[in-house]
Amino acid sequence: MIAITPLADADPAAVETLLDLAFGADRHGRTAYRLREGVGAIPHLSLAAFERGTLVGTLQSWPIELAQADGSAEPIVLVGPVAVLPHRQRDGLGKMLMAEALVRADAAGEDALLLIGDPEYYDRFFGFTAEPTGEWAVPGPVERHRLLARLTNGRRLPRSGTLQPRHILR
């Protein structure tokens, strides 16, 4: 039986170990990490999956924005990474975590989500598409077809702009 809980329930060292196992110790150089530099994960949209008390998967979400030349910015939630222990990949745990994160995002009124991932998978199962992101500048290399957005409730975003971390005042 899999239990999905807030990520805060997981030991931070166990989360880092899981991320290293899933993505490699060199993962910190990826573009997605640049998008979330200096900001904390969004607690209600960051999840852990446990099986019999063992951490088997995580999903983290981050506050970012699409900045415009005039100084304005559109808030967006960066979803990911979705990490699952290598020997448990293909068991549906990542799909389960993503589905729960989307339920929570929708309930919280988060109508602009972004991720970097496989377009066929994330479009088919979760409604993410590269259509709105084609002209967005990103702080690092990215395969353009893998930069995917999910916009709901009629949300529209500018055709161009620069993605960057969103620093939330608390």
N, C-alpha and C. Protein backbone atom coordinates (compact mmCIF):
# COMPACT_ATOMS: atom_id res chain seq x y z
N MET A 1 0.83 -1.18 0.00
CA MET A 1 0.00 0.00 0.00
C MET A 1 0.88 1.24 0.00
N ILE A 2 0.59 2.17 -0.90
CA ILE A 2 1.34 3.41 -1.01
C ILE A 2 0.60 4.51 -0.27
N ALA A 3 1.33 5.25 0.55
CA ALA A 3 0.77 6.41 1.25
C ALA A 3 1.42 7.66 0.68
N ILE A 4 0.61 8.60 0.22
CA ILE A 4 1.12 9.88 -0.27
C ILE A 4 0.89 10.92 0.82
N THR A 5 1.98 11.58 1.20
CA THR A 5 1.94 12.55 2.29
C THR A 5 2.66 13.82 1.84
N PRO A 6 2.59 14.88 2.64
CA PRO A 6 3.41 16.05 2.34
C PRO A 6 4.90 15.68 2.36
N LEU A 7 5.67 16.31 1.51
CA LEU A 7 7.10 16.04 1.46
C LEU A 7 7.78 16.31 2.79
N ALA A 8 7.22 17.23 3.57
CA ALA A 8 7.79 17.55 4.88
C ALA A 8 7.85 16.34 5.81
N ASP A 9 7.05 15.30 5.52
CA ASP A 9 7.07 14.08 6.32
C ASP A 9 8.31 13.23 6.06
N ALA A 10 9.01 13.51 4.97
CA ALA A 10 10.18 12.71 4.59
C ALA A 10 11.45 13.33 5.14
N ASP A 11 12.40 12.48 5.51
CA ASP A 11 13.71 12.93 5.95
C ASP A 11 14.42 13.59 4.76
N PRO A 12 14.87 14.85 4.91
CA PRO A 12 15.54 15.54 3.80
C PRO A 12 16.72 14.77 3.21
N ALA A 13 17.48 14.08 4.04
CA ALA A 13 18.62 13.29 3.53
C ALA A 13 18.12 12.14 2.66
N ALA A 14 17.01 11.52 3.05
CA ALA A 14 16.43 10.43 2.25
C ALA A 14 15.93 10.96 0.91
N VAL A 15 15.37 12.17 0.91
CA VAL A 15 14.90 12.78 -0.35
C VAL A 15 16.09 13.00 -1.28
N GLU A 16 17.19 13.55 -0.75
CA GLU A 16 18.37 13.80 -1.58
C GLU A 16 18.95 12.50 -2.12
N THR A 17 18.98 11.47 -1.29
CA THR A 17 19.47 10.17 -1.75
C THR A 17 18.59 9.63 -2.87
N LEU A 18 17.28 9.73 -2.71
CA LEU A 18 16.35 9.28 -3.74
C LEU A 18 16.57 10.04 -5.05
N LEU A 19 16.73 11.36 -4.95
CA LEU A 19 16.97 12.17 -6.16
C LEU A 19 18.28 11.77 -6.84
N ASP A 20 19.32 11.50 -6.06
CA ASP A 20 20.59 11.05 -6.64
C ASP A 20 20.42 9.71 -7.35
N LEU A 21 19.69 8.79 -6.72
CA LEU A 21 19.46 7.48 -7.33
C LEU A 21 18.65 7.59 -8.62
N ALA A 22 17.66 8.47 -8.61
CA ALA A 22 16.78 8.60 -9.78
C ALA A 22 17.42 9.38 -10.92
N PHE A 23 18.20 10.41 -10.60
CA PHE A 23 18.70 11.32 -11.64
C PHE A 23 20.21 11.44 -11.72
N GLY A 24 20.94 10.90 -10.76
CA GLY A 24 22.39 11.01 -10.75
C GLY A 24 22.85 12.18 -9.90
N ALA A 25 24.05 12.06 -9.38
CA ALA A 25 24.60 13.09 -8.49
C ALA A 25 24.90 14.39 -9.23
N ASP A 26 24.96 14.35 -10.57
CA ASP A 26 25.24 15.55 -11.36
C ASP A 26 23.97 16.33 -11.73
N ARG A 27 22.86 15.99 -11.14
CA ARG A 27 21.57 16.58 -11.49
C ARG A 27 21.49 18.08 -11.23
N HIS A 28 22.30 18.61 -10.35
CA HIS A 28 22.21 20.03 -9.96
C HIS A 28 22.55 21.00 -11.08
N GLY A 29 23.19 20.54 -12.13
CA GLY A 29 23.53 21.42 -13.25
C GLY A 29 22.41 21.58 -14.27
N ARG A 30 21.33 20.89 -14.10
CA ARG A 30 20.24 20.94 -15.08
C ARG A 30 19.50 22.27 -15.02
N THR A 31 18.89 22.61 -16.12
CA THR A 31 18.15 23.87 -16.26
C THR A 31 17.05 23.99 -15.21
N ALA A 32 16.36 22.93 -14.91
CA ALA A 32 15.27 22.99 -13.91
C ALA A 32 15.80 23.47 -12.56
N TYR A 33 17.03 23.10 -12.23
CA TYR A 33 17.59 23.55 -10.96
C TYR A 33 17.86 25.05 -10.98
N ARG A 34 18.23 25.58 -12.12
CA ARG A 34 18.44 27.03 -12.24
C ARG A 34 17.14 27.79 -12.06
N LEU A 35 16.04 27.20 -12.51
CA LEU A 35 14.73 27.86 -12.38
C LEU A 35 14.28 27.98 -10.93
N ARG A 36 14.79 27.15 -10.06
CA ARG A 36 14.34 27.19 -8.67
C ARG A 36 15.43 27.63 -7.69
N GLU A 37 16.51 28.20 -8.20
CA GLU A 37 17.58 28.68 -7.33
C GLU A 37 17.06 29.74 -6.36
N GLY A 38 17.36 29.56 -5.10
CA GLY A 38 17.04 30.57 -4.10
C GLY A 38 15.61 30.58 -3.61
N VAL A 39 14.79 29.63 -4.04
CA VAL A 39 13.41 29.56 -3.56
C VAL A 39 13.16 28.20 -2.93
N GLY A 40 12.20 28.14 -2.04
CA GLY A 40 11.82 26.88 -1.41
C GLY A 40 10.68 26.22 -2.16
N ALA A 41 10.60 24.91 -2.02
CA ALA A 41 9.50 24.17 -2.63
C ALA A 41 8.17 24.63 -2.03
N ILE A 42 7.11 24.49 -2.78
CA ILE A 42 5.77 24.84 -2.34
C ILE A 42 5.24 23.68 -1.50
N PRO A 43 5.06 23.87 -0.19
CA PRO A 43 4.73 22.74 0.69
C PRO A 43 3.47 21.96 0.29
N HIS A 44 2.38 22.64 -0.04
CA HIS A 44 1.14 21.90 -0.31
C HIS A 44 1.14 21.22 -1.69
N LEU A 45 2.16 21.47 -2.51
CA LEU A 45 2.26 20.83 -3.82
C LEU A 45 3.51 19.97 -3.95
N SER A 46 4.14 19.66 -2.82
CA SER A 46 5.33 18.80 -2.80
C SER A 46 5.00 17.57 -1.96
N LEU A 47 5.20 16.40 -2.55
CA LEU A 47 4.67 15.17 -1.98
C LEU A 47 5.73 14.08 -1.84
N ALA A 48 5.47 13.16 -0.94
CA ALA A 48 6.30 11.97 -0.74
C ALA A 48 5.41 10.75 -0.83
N ALA A 49 5.95 9.69 -1.40
CA ALA A 49 5.25 8.40 -1.45
C ALA A 49 6.03 7.41 -0.58
N PHE A 50 5.32 6.81 0.36
CA PHE A 50 5.92 5.83 1.25
C PHE A 50 5.25 4.47 1.05
N GLU A 51 6.06 3.43 1.15
CA GLU A 51 5.54 2.07 1.15
C GLU A 51 6.13 1.36 2.36
N ARG A 52 5.26 1.00 3.29
CA ARG A 52 5.68 0.36 4.54
C ARG A 52 6.77 1.16 5.24
N GLY A 53 6.61 2.49 5.25
CA GLY A 53 7.54 3.36 5.95
C GLY A 53 8.78 3.74 5.18
N THR A 54 8.97 3.20 3.98
CA THR A 54 10.14 3.49 3.16
C THR A 54 9.77 4.51 2.08
N LEU A 55 10.59 5.55 1.94
CA LEU A 55 10.39 6.54 0.90
C LEU A 55 10.67 5.90 -0.46
N VAL A 56 9.66 5.90 -1.34
CA VAL A 56 9.82 5.28 -2.66
C VAL A 56 9.67 6.30 -3.79
N GLY A 57 9.15 7.49 -3.49
CA GLY A 57 9.00 8.50 -4.54
C GLY A 57 8.74 9.87 -3.96
N THR A 58 9.07 10.89 -4.74
CA THR A 58 8.79 12.27 -4.35
C THR A 58 8.38 13.08 -5.57
N LEU A 59 7.69 14.15 -5.32
CA LEU A 59 7.37 15.15 -6.32
C LEU A 59 7.48 16.50 -5.63
N GLN A 60 8.24 17.40 -6.23
CA GLN A 60 8.40 18.73 -5.67
C GLN A 60 7.85 19.76 -6.65
N SER A 61 7.34 20.86 -6.13
CA SER A 61 6.82 21.96 -6.95
C SER A 61 7.43 23.26 -6.45
N TRP A 62 7.67 24.19 -7.37
CA TRP A 62 8.44 25.39 -7.07
C TRP A 62 7.78 26.63 -7.64
N PRO A 63 7.92 27.77 -6.97
CA PRO A 63 7.37 29.02 -7.50
C PRO A 63 8.34 29.64 -8.51
N ILE A 64 7.87 29.79 -9.74
CA ILE A 64 8.65 30.48 -10.76
C ILE A 64 7.75 31.53 -11.40
N GLU A 65 8.30 32.26 -12.36
CA GLU A 65 7.50 33.27 -13.05
C GLU A 65 8.02 33.47 -14.46
N LEU A 66 7.14 34.00 -15.30
CA LEU A 66 7.48 34.39 -16.66
C LEU A 66 7.60 35.90 -16.65
N ALA A 67 8.84 36.39 -16.63
CA ALA A 67 9.10 37.82 -16.52
C ALA A 67 9.01 38.49 -17.89
N GLN A 68 8.47 39.72 -17.87
CA GLN A 68 8.31 40.51 -19.10
C GLN A 68 9.28 41.68 -19.09
N ALA A 69 9.55 42.23 -20.25
CA ALA A 69 10.48 43.35 -20.38
C ALA A 69 10.02 44.58 -19.61
N ASP A 70 8.71 44.73 -19.40
CA ASP A 70 8.18 45.91 -18.69
C ASP A 70 8.25 45.76 -17.17
N GLY A 71 8.83 44.66 -16.68
CA GLY A 71 8.96 44.44 -15.24
C GLY A 71 7.83 43.63 -14.62
N SER A 72 6.78 43.38 -15.37
CA SER A 72 5.69 42.55 -14.86
C SER A 72 6.09 41.08 -14.95
N ALA A 73 5.37 40.24 -14.24
CA ALA A 73 5.67 38.81 -14.25
C ALA A 73 4.40 38.01 -14.01
N GLU A 74 4.31 36.89 -14.66
CA GLU A 74 3.19 35.96 -14.50
C GLU A 74 3.63 34.80 -13.62
N PRO A 75 2.94 34.54 -12.51
CA PRO A 75 3.32 33.42 -11.65
C PRO A 75 2.99 32.07 -12.30
N ILE A 76 3.89 31.14 -12.10
CA ILE A 76 3.75 29.77 -12.62
C ILE A 76 4.29 28.82 -11.55
N VAL A 77 3.77 27.61 -11.52
CA VAL A 77 4.31 26.57 -10.64
C VAL A 77 5.12 25.60 -11.49
N LEU A 78 6.39 25.43 -11.15
CA LEU A 78 7.25 24.44 -11.78
C LEU A 78 7.05 23.12 -11.05
N VAL A 79 6.60 22.11 -11.78
CA VAL A 79 6.35 20.79 -11.20
C VAL A 79 7.54 19.90 -11.52
N GLY A 80 8.12 19.33 -10.49
CA GLY A 80 9.23 18.42 -10.69
C GLY A 80 10.44 18.86 -9.89
N PRO A 81 11.27 17.93 -9.62
CA PRO A 81 11.32 16.61 -10.22
C PRO A 81 10.33 15.62 -9.61
N VAL A 82 9.95 14.68 -10.44
CA VAL A 82 9.20 13.50 -9.98
C VAL A 82 10.25 12.40 -9.92
N ALA A 83 10.52 11.91 -8.73
CA ALA A 83 11.58 10.91 -8.55
C ALA A 83 11.01 9.65 -7.93
N VAL A 84 11.42 8.51 -8.47
CA VAL A 84 11.00 7.20 -7.96
C VAL A 84 12.24 6.32 -7.87
N LEU A 85 12.32 5.53 -6.83
CA LEU A 85 13.44 4.60 -6.71
C LEU A 85 13.58 3.81 -8.02
N PRO A 86 14.79 3.66 -8.51
CA PRO A 86 14.98 3.00 -9.81
C PRO A 86 14.30 1.63 -9.94
N HIS A 87 14.35 0.82 -8.91
CA HIS A 87 13.74 -0.51 -9.02
C HIS A 87 12.21 -0.46 -8.93
N ARG A 88 11.63 0.71 -8.64
CA ARG A 88 10.18 0.87 -8.58
C ARG A 88 9.63 1.68 -9.75
N GLN A 89 10.52 2.15 -10.63
CA GLN A 89 10.06 2.88 -11.80
C GLN A 89 9.24 1.94 -12.68
N ARG A 90 8.29 2.49 -13.34
CA ARG A 90 7.34 1.75 -14.19
C ARG A 90 6.27 1.02 -13.38
N ASP A 91 6.19 1.31 -12.09
CA ASP A 91 5.14 0.74 -11.23
C ASP A 91 3.96 1.69 -11.05
N GLY A 92 4.00 2.85 -11.70
CA GLY A 92 2.90 3.81 -11.60
C GLY A 92 3.01 4.80 -10.45
N LEU A 93 4.12 4.77 -9.71
CA LEU A 93 4.26 5.68 -8.57
C LEU A 93 4.37 7.13 -9.01
N GLY A 94 5.14 7.40 -10.05
CA GLY A 94 5.26 8.77 -10.56
C GLY A 94 3.92 9.30 -11.06
N LYS A 95 3.19 8.46 -11.74
CA LYS A 95 1.86 8.84 -12.23
C LYS A 95 0.92 9.13 -11.07
N MET A 96 1.01 8.34 -10.02
CA MET A 96 0.19 8.55 -8.83
C MET A 96 0.54 9.88 -8.16
N LEU A 97 1.83 10.17 -8.02
CA LEU A 97 2.26 11.43 -7.42
C LEU A 97 1.81 12.61 -8.26
N MET A 98 1.95 12.53 -9.57
CA MET A 98 1.55 13.62 -10.46
C MET A 98 0.05 13.84 -10.40
N ALA A 99 -0.72 12.78 -10.42
CA ALA A 99 -2.17 12.92 -10.35
C ALA A 99 -2.58 13.63 -9.05
N GLU A 100 -1.98 13.25 -7.94
CA GLU A 100 -2.32 13.88 -6.66
C GLU A 100 -1.87 15.34 -6.64
N ALA A 101 -0.71 15.63 -7.19
CA ALA A 101 -0.25 17.03 -7.24
C ALA A 101 -1.19 17.88 -8.07
N LEU A 102 -1.70 17.35 -9.17
CA LEU A 102 -2.62 18.12 -10.01
C LEU A 102 -3.96 18.35 -9.32
N VAL A 103 -4.44 17.37 -8.58
CA VAL A 103 -5.66 17.56 -7.80
C VAL A 103 -5.46 18.69 -6.81
N ARG A 104 -4.32 18.67 -6.14
CA ARG A 104 -4.04 19.72 -5.14
C ARG A 104 -3.84 21.08 -5.80
N ALA A 105 -3.16 21.11 -6.94
CA ALA A 105 -2.95 22.38 -7.66
C ALA A 105 -4.29 22.96 -8.12
N ASP A 106 -5.14 22.13 -8.66
CA ASP A 106 -6.45 22.59 -9.11
C ASP A 106 -7.26 23.11 -7.93
N ALA A 107 -7.24 22.40 -6.81
CA ALA A 107 -8.00 22.83 -5.62
C ALA A 107 -7.47 24.16 -5.08
N ALA A 108 -6.18 24.41 -5.26
CA ALA A 108 -5.58 25.66 -4.77
C ALA A 108 -5.70 26.80 -5.79
N GLY A 109 -6.30 26.52 -6.94
CA GLY A 109 -6.46 27.56 -7.96
C GLY A 109 -5.21 27.84 -8.76
N GLU A 110 -4.25 26.92 -8.74
CA GLU A 110 -3.02 27.09 -9.53
C GLU A 110 -3.36 26.73 -10.98
N ASP A 111 -3.42 27.74 -11.84
CA ASP A 111 -3.89 27.51 -13.20
C ASP A 111 -2.79 27.59 -14.26
N ALA A 112 -1.53 27.70 -13.84
CA ALA A 112 -0.41 27.68 -14.77
C ALA A 112 0.70 26.83 -14.17
N LEU A 113 0.91 25.66 -14.76
CA LEU A 113 1.93 24.73 -14.31
C LEU A 113 2.91 24.49 -15.45
N LEU A 114 4.15 24.24 -15.10
CA LEU A 114 5.20 24.01 -16.09
C LEU A 114 6.04 22.83 -15.64
N LEU A 115 6.53 22.05 -16.59
CA LEU A 115 7.49 21.00 -16.30
C LEU A 115 8.37 20.77 -17.52
N ILE A 116 9.46 20.09 -17.29
CA ILE A 116 10.33 19.67 -18.38
C ILE A 116 10.24 18.15 -18.41
N GLY A 117 9.70 17.61 -19.50
CA GLY A 117 9.50 16.17 -19.55
C GLY A 117 9.07 15.68 -20.91
N ASP A 118 8.74 14.41 -20.97
CA ASP A 118 8.34 13.74 -22.20
C ASP A 118 6.98 14.24 -22.66
N PRO A 119 6.90 14.91 -23.82
CA PRO A 119 5.62 15.49 -24.23
C PRO A 119 4.52 14.47 -24.48
N GLU A 120 4.86 13.33 -25.03
CA GLU A 120 3.82 12.34 -25.30
C GLU A 120 3.16 11.86 -24.01
N TYR A 121 3.97 11.59 -23.01
CA TYR A 121 3.46 11.10 -21.72
C TYR A 121 2.66 12.18 -21.00
N TYR A 122 3.27 13.36 -20.82
CA TYR A 122 2.63 14.39 -20.00
C TYR A 122 1.44 15.03 -20.69
N ASP A 123 1.39 15.03 -22.01
CA ASP A 123 0.19 15.51 -22.70
C ASP A 123 -0.92 14.47 -22.59
N ARG A 124 -0.59 13.25 -22.90
CA ARG A 124 -1.59 12.17 -22.92
C ARG A 124 -2.28 11.99 -21.56
N PHE A 125 -1.49 11.97 -20.50
CA PHE A 125 -2.07 11.66 -19.19
C PHE A 125 -2.44 12.88 -18.37
N PHE A 126 -1.81 14.04 -18.63
CA PHE A 126 -2.01 15.17 -17.72
C PHE A 126 -2.30 16.51 -18.39
N GLY A 127 -2.33 16.56 -19.72
CA GLY A 127 -2.70 17.79 -20.41
C GLY A 127 -1.62 18.85 -20.51
N PHE A 128 -0.35 18.48 -20.41
CA PHE A 128 0.76 19.43 -20.59
C PHE A 128 1.14 19.48 -22.07
N THR A 129 1.43 20.68 -22.58
CA THR A 129 1.79 20.85 -23.98
C THR A 129 2.88 21.91 -24.14
N ALA A 130 3.65 21.79 -25.21
CA ALA A 130 4.69 22.77 -25.51
C ALA A 130 4.15 23.98 -26.26
N GLU A 131 2.91 23.96 -26.65
CA GLU A 131 2.34 25.03 -27.48
C GLU A 131 2.57 26.43 -26.92
N PRO A 132 2.31 26.71 -25.65
CA PRO A 132 2.49 28.08 -25.17
C PRO A 132 3.94 28.47 -24.86
N THR A 133 4.88 27.54 -24.85
CA THR A 133 6.22 27.82 -24.33
C THR A 133 7.28 28.07 -25.39
N GLY A 134 6.93 28.01 -26.63
CA GLY A 134 7.89 28.03 -27.73
C GLY A 134 8.84 29.21 -27.76
N GLU A 135 8.43 30.37 -27.28
CA GLU A 135 9.28 31.56 -27.35
C GLU A 135 9.78 32.01 -25.98
N TRP A 136 9.62 31.20 -24.96
CA TRP A 136 10.07 31.57 -23.64
C TRP A 136 11.57 31.34 -23.51
N ALA A 137 12.26 32.31 -22.93
CA ALA A 137 13.69 32.16 -22.64
C ALA A 137 13.84 31.39 -21.33
N VAL A 138 14.85 30.54 -21.29
CA VAL A 138 15.08 29.68 -20.13
C VAL A 138 16.55 29.85 -19.70
N PRO A 139 16.84 29.77 -18.40
CA PRO A 139 18.22 29.98 -17.93
C PRO A 139 19.10 28.74 -18.08
N GLY A 140 19.20 28.26 -19.28
CA GLY A 140 20.02 27.09 -19.54
C GLY A 140 19.48 26.32 -20.72
N PRO A 141 20.18 25.27 -21.11
CA PRO A 141 19.73 24.49 -22.27
C PRO A 141 18.47 23.70 -21.97
N VAL A 142 17.61 23.61 -22.97
CA VAL A 142 16.40 22.80 -22.85
C VAL A 142 15.99 22.37 -24.26
N GLU A 143 15.51 21.16 -24.36
CA GLU A 143 14.92 20.72 -25.62
C GLU A 143 13.53 21.36 -25.67
N ARG A 144 13.31 22.26 -26.62
CA ARG A 144 12.10 23.09 -26.66
C ARG A 144 10.82 22.25 -26.59
N HIS A 145 10.79 21.11 -27.22
CA HIS A 145 9.58 20.29 -27.22
C HIS A 145 9.30 19.65 -25.86
N ARG A 146 10.27 19.71 -24.94
CA ARG A 146 10.10 19.13 -23.60
C ARG A 146 9.70 20.17 -22.55
N LEU A 147 9.64 21.46 -22.93
CA LEU A 147 9.22 22.52 -22.02
C LEU A 147 7.70 22.63 -22.14
N LEU A 148 7.00 22.10 -21.15
CA LEU A 148 5.55 21.87 -21.24
C LEU A 148 4.77 22.66 -20.21
N ALA A 149 3.65 23.19 -20.62
CA ALA A 149 2.78 23.93 -19.72
C ALA A 149 1.39 23.31 -19.69
N ARG A 150 0.74 23.47 -18.55
CA ARG A 150 -0.66 23.07 -18.38
C ARG A 150 -1.39 24.30 -17.86
N LEU A 151 -2.25 24.86 -18.71
CA LEU A 151 -3.01 26.05 -18.35
C LEU A 151 -4.47 25.65 -18.20
N THR A 152 -5.10 26.08 -17.12
CA THR A 152 -6.50 25.74 -16.87
C THR A 152 -7.30 27.01 -16.59
N ASN A 153 -8.59 26.85 -16.51
CA ASN A 153 -9.50 27.95 -16.17
C ASN A 153 -9.35 29.15 -17.10
N GLY A 154 -9.05 28.89 -18.37
CA GLY A 154 -8.91 29.96 -19.34
C GLY A 154 -7.64 30.78 -19.22
N ARG A 155 -6.70 30.34 -18.41
CA ARG A 155 -5.45 31.09 -18.20
C ARG A 155 -4.67 31.19 -19.49
N ARG A 156 -4.19 32.35 -19.77
CA ARG A 156 -3.32 32.61 -20.92
C ARG A 156 -2.02 33.21 -20.40
N LEU A 157 -0.94 32.92 -21.08
CA LEU A 157 0.35 33.49 -20.72
C LEU A 157 0.94 34.16 -21.96
N PRO A 158 1.80 35.16 -21.75
CA PRO A 158 2.43 35.83 -22.89
C PRO A 158 3.20 34.84 -23.76
N ARG A 159 3.29 35.15 -25.04
CA ARG A 159 4.00 34.28 -25.99
C ARG A 159 5.50 34.30 -25.74
N SER A 160 6.02 35.40 -25.17
CA SER A 160 7.45 35.49 -24.91
C SER A 160 7.67 35.96 -23.48
N GLY A 161 8.89 35.85 -23.05
CA GLY A 161 9.27 36.24 -21.69
C GLY A 161 10.40 35.35 -21.23
N THR A 162 10.84 35.58 -20.00
CA THR A 162 11.96 34.82 -19.44
C THR A 162 11.50 34.12 -18.17
N LEU A 163 11.70 32.81 -18.14
CA LEU A 163 11.39 32.04 -16.93
C LEU A 163 12.48 32.25 -15.90
N GLN A 164 12.05 32.44 -14.65
CA GLN A 164 13.00 32.66 -13.56
C GLN A 164 12.35 32.28 -12.24
N PRO A 165 13.17 32.11 -11.17
CA PRO A 165 12.60 31.83 -9.85
C PRO A 165 11.68 32.98 -9.42
N ARG A 166 10.63 32.63 -8.68
CA ARG A 166 9.72 33.65 -8.13
C ARG A 166 9.92 33.69 -6.63
N HIS A 167 10.41 34.79 -6.15
CA HIS A 167 10.64 34.96 -4.72
C HIS A 167 9.37 35.49 -4.08
N ILE A 168 8.82 34.68 -3.21
CA ILE A 168 7.55 35.00 -2.55
C ILE A 168 7.86 35.63 -1.21
N LEU A 169 7.26 36.79 -0.97
CA LEU A 169 7.42 37.44 0.33
C LEU A 169 6.52 36.75 1.33
N ARG A 170 7.04 36.43 2.47
CA ARG A 170 6.24 35.72 3.48
C ARG A 170 5.94 36.64 4.62
